Amino acid sequence: MQYRIEALQSLPSGQIPGPDTPVETVSFRWQPEEVRRATYHYLLTRHWVRVIDVESGQPVSGPFNPASAPPRPEAILPFT
């Protein structure tokens, strides 16, 4: 399975990104551990992050707020 990680750094105060919010950074990952690592990287660099299943185009997880506590790894992608 292929995942698209979308990261957005700037949002108006208090706003949560919706499905149509433009993203600044997009990266593709195949392995779940790579997805988890990249998600944490973007969160640490103050980006909102969401993970999309490339095949279906549907969100898998997120959006994760960089100001909140980091998500548990299984919240990003379930362990299989």
C-alpha atoms as a PDB file:
ATOM      1  CA  MET A   1       0.000   0.000   0.000  1.00  0.00           C
ATOM      2  CA  GLN A   2       1.191   3.518  -0.734  1.00  0.00           C
ATOM      3  CA  TYR A   3       0.526   6.492   1.528  1.00  0.00           C
ATOM      4  CA  ARG A   4       0.650  10.205   0.841  1.00  0.00           C
ATOM      5  CA  ILE A   5       1.686  12.376   3.757  1.00  0.00           C
ATOM      6  CA  GLU A   6       0.372  15.923   3.512  1.00  0.00           C
ATOM      7  CA  ALA A   7       1.870  18.613   5.714  1.00  0.00           C
ATOM      8  CA  LEU A   8       0.734  22.184   6.206  1.00  0.00           C
ATOM      9  CA  GLN A   9       2.646  24.673   8.309  1.00  0.00           C
ATOM     10  CA  SER A  10       0.522  27.803   8.519  1.00  0.00           C
ATOM     11  CA  LEU A  11      -3.160  28.066   9.384  1.00  0.00           C
ATOM     12  CA  PRO A  12      -5.211  30.898  10.831  1.00  0.00           C
ATOM     13  CA  SER A  13      -5.365  30.626  14.610  1.00  0.00           C
ATOM     14  CA  GLY A  14      -7.775  27.969  15.835  1.00  0.00           C
ATOM     15  CA  GLN A  15      -8.502  26.582  12.380  1.00  0.00           C
ATOM     16  CA  ILE A  16      -8.263  22.860  11.608  1.00  0.00           C
ATOM     17  CA  PRO A  17      -7.339  21.851   8.045  1.00  0.00           C
ATOM     18  CA  GLY A  18     -10.196  20.355   6.057  1.00  0.00           C
ATOM     19  CA  PRO A  19     -10.027  17.914   3.147  1.00  0.00           C
ATOM     20  CA  ASP A  20      -9.721  20.741   0.608  1.00  0.00           C
ATOM     21  CA  THR A  21      -7.093  22.786   2.477  1.00  0.00           C
ATOM     22  CA  PRO A  22      -4.036  23.203   0.214  1.00  0.00           C
ATOM     23  CA  VAL A  23      -0.889  21.495   1.475  1.00  0.00           C
ATOM     24  CA  GLU A  24       2.683  22.737   1.374  1.00  0.00           C
ATOM     25  CA  THR A  25       4.559  19.459   1.527  1.00  0.00           C
ATOM     26  CA  VAL A  26       3.661  16.082   0.091  1.00  0.00           C
ATOM     27  CA  SER A  27       5.724  12.949   0.430  1.00  0.00           C
ATOM     28  CA  PHE A  28       5.016   9.343  -0.439  1.00  0.00           C
ATOM     29  CA  ARG A  29       5.847   6.361   1.739  1.00  0.00           C
ATOM     30  CA  TRP A  30       5.208   2.660   1.357  1.00  0.00           C
ATOM     31  CA  GLN A  31       6.215   1.079   4.656  1.00  0.00           C
ATOM     32  CA  PRO A  32       4.081   1.860   7.742  1.00  0.00           C
ATOM     33  CA  GLU A  33       7.178   2.562   9.849  1.00  0.00           C
ATOM     34  CA  GLU A  34       8.340   5.143   7.275  1.00  0.00           C
ATOM     35  CA  VAL A  35       4.903   6.793   7.432  1.00  0.00           C
ATOM     36  CA  ARG A  36       5.042   6.998  11.220  1.00  0.00           C
ATOM     37  CA  ARG A  37       8.588   8.408  11.184  1.00  0.00           C
ATOM     38  CA  ALA A  38       7.783  11.018   8.518  1.00  0.00           C
ATOM     39  CA  THR A  39       4.612  12.059  10.376  1.00  0.00           C
ATOM     40  CA  TYR A  40       6.601  12.675  13.561  1.00  0.00           C
ATOM     41  CA  HIS A  41       9.230  14.580  11.566  1.00  0.00           C
ATOM     42  CA  TYR A  42       6.609  16.958  10.181  1.00  0.00           C
ATOM     43  CA  LEU A  43       4.991  17.381  13.611  1.00  0.00           C
ATOM     44  CA  LEU A  44       8.355  18.255  15.146  1.00  0.00           C
ATOM     45  CA  THR A  45       8.858  20.881  12.440  1.00  0.00           C
ATOM     46  CA  ARG A  46       5.476  22.429  13.370  1.00  0.00           C
ATOM     47  CA  HIS A  47       3.343  21.104  10.504  1.00  0.00           C
ATOM     48  CA  TRP A  48      -0.236  19.893  10.607  1.00  0.00           C
ATOM     49  CA  VAL A  49      -0.124  16.379   9.132  1.00  0.00           C
ATOM     50  CA  ARG A  50      -2.620  14.006   7.568  1.00  0.00           C
ATOM     51  CA  VAL A  51      -2.050  10.608   5.963  1.00  0.00           C
ATOM     52  CA  ILE A  52      -3.937   9.624   2.807  1.00  0.00           C
ATOM     53  CA  ASP A  53      -4.275   6.193   1.172  1.00  0.00           C
ATOM     54  CA  VAL A  54      -3.097   6.892  -2.385  1.00  0.00           C
ATOM     55  CA  GLU A  55      -5.194   4.116  -3.928  1.00  0.00           C
ATOM     56  CA  SER A  56      -8.550   5.213  -2.489  1.00  0.00           C
ATOM     57  CA  GLY A  57      -7.734   8.896  -1.974  1.00  0.00           C
ATOM     58  CA  GLN A  58      -9.295   8.654   1.491  1.00  0.00           C
ATOM     59  CA  PRO A  59      -7.733   9.964   4.711  1.00  0.00           C
ATOM     60  CA  VAL A  60      -6.194   7.232   6.861  1.00  0.00           C
ATOM     61  CA  SER A  61      -5.379   9.416   9.852  1.00  0.00           C
ATOM     62  CA  GLY A  62      -5.073  12.994  10.968  1.00  0.00           C
ATOM     63  CA  PRO A  63      -5.088  15.877  10.804  1.00  0.00           C
ATOM     64  CA  PHE A  64      -2.571  15.920  13.645  1.00  0.00           C
ATOM     65  CA  ASN A  65      -1.998  19.248  15.358  1.00  0.00           C
ATOM     66  CA  PRO A  66       1.673  20.124  15.993  1.00  0.00           C
ATOM     67  CA  ALA A  67       0.694  22.013  19.171  1.00  0.00           C
ATOM     68  CA  SER A  68      -0.929  18.930  20.731  1.00  0.00           C
ATOM     69  CA  ALA A  69       0.686  15.897  22.281  1.00  0.00           C
ATOM     70  CA  PRO A  70       2.125  13.637  19.564  1.00  0.00           C
ATOM     71  CA  PRO A  71      -0.169  10.802  18.475  1.00  0.00           C
ATOM     72  CA  ARG A  72       0.538   7.243  19.484  1.00  0.00           C
ATOM     73  CA  PRO A  73       2.171   5.317  16.609  1.00  0.00           C
ATOM     74  CA  GLU A  74      -0.905   3.100  16.150  1.00  0.00           C
ATOM     75  CA  ALA A  75      -3.044   6.249  15.754  1.00  0.00           C
ATOM     76  CA  ILE A  76      -0.989   7.161  12.687  1.00  0.00           C
ATOM     77  CA  LEU A  77      -1.209   3.676  11.145  1.00  0.00           C
ATOM     78  CA  PRO A  78      -2.320   0.477  12.886  1.00  0.00           C
ATOM     79  CA  PHE A  79       0.309  -2.173  13.497  1.00  0.00           C
ATOM     80  CA  THR A  80      -0.217  -5.266  11.365  1.00  0.00           C
END
